[in-house]
Amino acid sequence: MKKPRTALGAVVALLALAAVAVYLLKSESTARKLAAKPVKSPVHVEVAPVQQQQWGTQLESVGTVQSFSGVTLRAQIGGRITAVHAVSGSPVKAGEALFEINPEVLRAQLEEHKAQLKISQFNYEQMKKLYDERQIALQQMIQAKSQYEADAAAVRTMQQKLALATTYASFDGVVGLTRVEVGDEVDVNQELATLESSERLRVEFAVPQQYALLVSPRNKVALSSESEAGSTVSATVYAVDPLIDPLTRTATVRAELPAHSFFPGSYVNVSLTLDDVEDVLTVPQTAIKRSLYGDSVFEVVDGKAVLTHVQLGQRRGGDIAILEGLKPGATVVSAGLRKLSDGVAVQGVPAAADADASPAAADSRAGADNAD
């Protein structure tokens, strides 16, 4: 019985040795393969330092461009339009006649009142002479004087009406579209045309009441228009309304801007920077990685990309403020975010002056909108 058991033990031992030999051979083969496999090279990305800048509170609003000199010309008397000297869109000088409303009738009436005035004046002078000679009573002289003064007032009234019959330009400007033609019957206060001057322009906009006291004259305002993308115009605040609108809880601000920079009535975007300057940390907006879990950046630490969650603040140009999550002097990936994951080795190069010339930037054209 011992020989079969001995033989069985020998077989088991041989099988065990064979298994160990196979394991060692496989381990050696695996090690050789791993040794022959090339090491993964670091990902090339663009990097940018976390900068410390001084920013003031920036208010965004919308405003309306107005001219300092702008009026709507209206009929000051009723009647028939007999002459239109204004040409739509043409420049005019102050004092130039633009519209006439049947002045000939008024001139005739004026001459009639002047003739009546001469008669009453003669009668008054005669009555006064007779009264001085005590030939008539005081009442007769007073009646003649009253008639003379009434006729003189009637002449002045007709002179005023005759002046109102002609509409003049009250300042140098450009006539808008005319609303009437020769022969039209107009009523008092009916619109004839507009007159605008672009020599002095202002923009009017509103700011929330909590910022009203921080706005002061000489604050700079940047204006932009959607019709002229990319171009901005600088304006200077010159007045803040001290009355807060009880409906909107905003204060109205006016700023003067260069002549002929916009058409009066234009809608513009307004960006006002207040004087409450403070130090903030900023990174390029292309460095922000957005996801359902929050905003983050890839911070470069010891040659590796470390996903770091951040709290964002205001945007200013191509930069964005970082309220929490980063420290001054840190370095973040500014382009090439789509190729990264937490812990990946990276080789960073400074952001290129021309973003289109950088291969890393090609993978992150909209870095601020990157998401998992």
Foldseek 3Di string as FASTA:
>chain_A
DVVVVVVVVVVVVVVVVVVVVVVVVVVVVVVVVVVPDDDDDFAEFAKDFWDKDKAFDKDKWKWFKAFPDKDFDWQAAWAFWADAPADAFAKDAFFAWGTAGPLVVLVVVLVVLVVQLVVLVVLLVVLVVCVVVVNDDPVSNVVSVVSNVVSVVVNVVSVVVSVSRIDTHRHIFTWHDADDDGGDTDHHGHTGTMTGHQQKMKIKIKDALVCLVQDDWQFKKWKDDPVDPPDIWIWTWDDWAPDQDPVPNIIMTMTITHGPPDDGGDMIMMMTGTPPIDMFIKDFLLQWADEPVAIWGFWQDPQFTATWHFDWDDDDVRMTTTPDTDDGGTMTGRFQVVVDDHGGGYDYDHQDPDLVVDPRNVRRVPSNHHYD
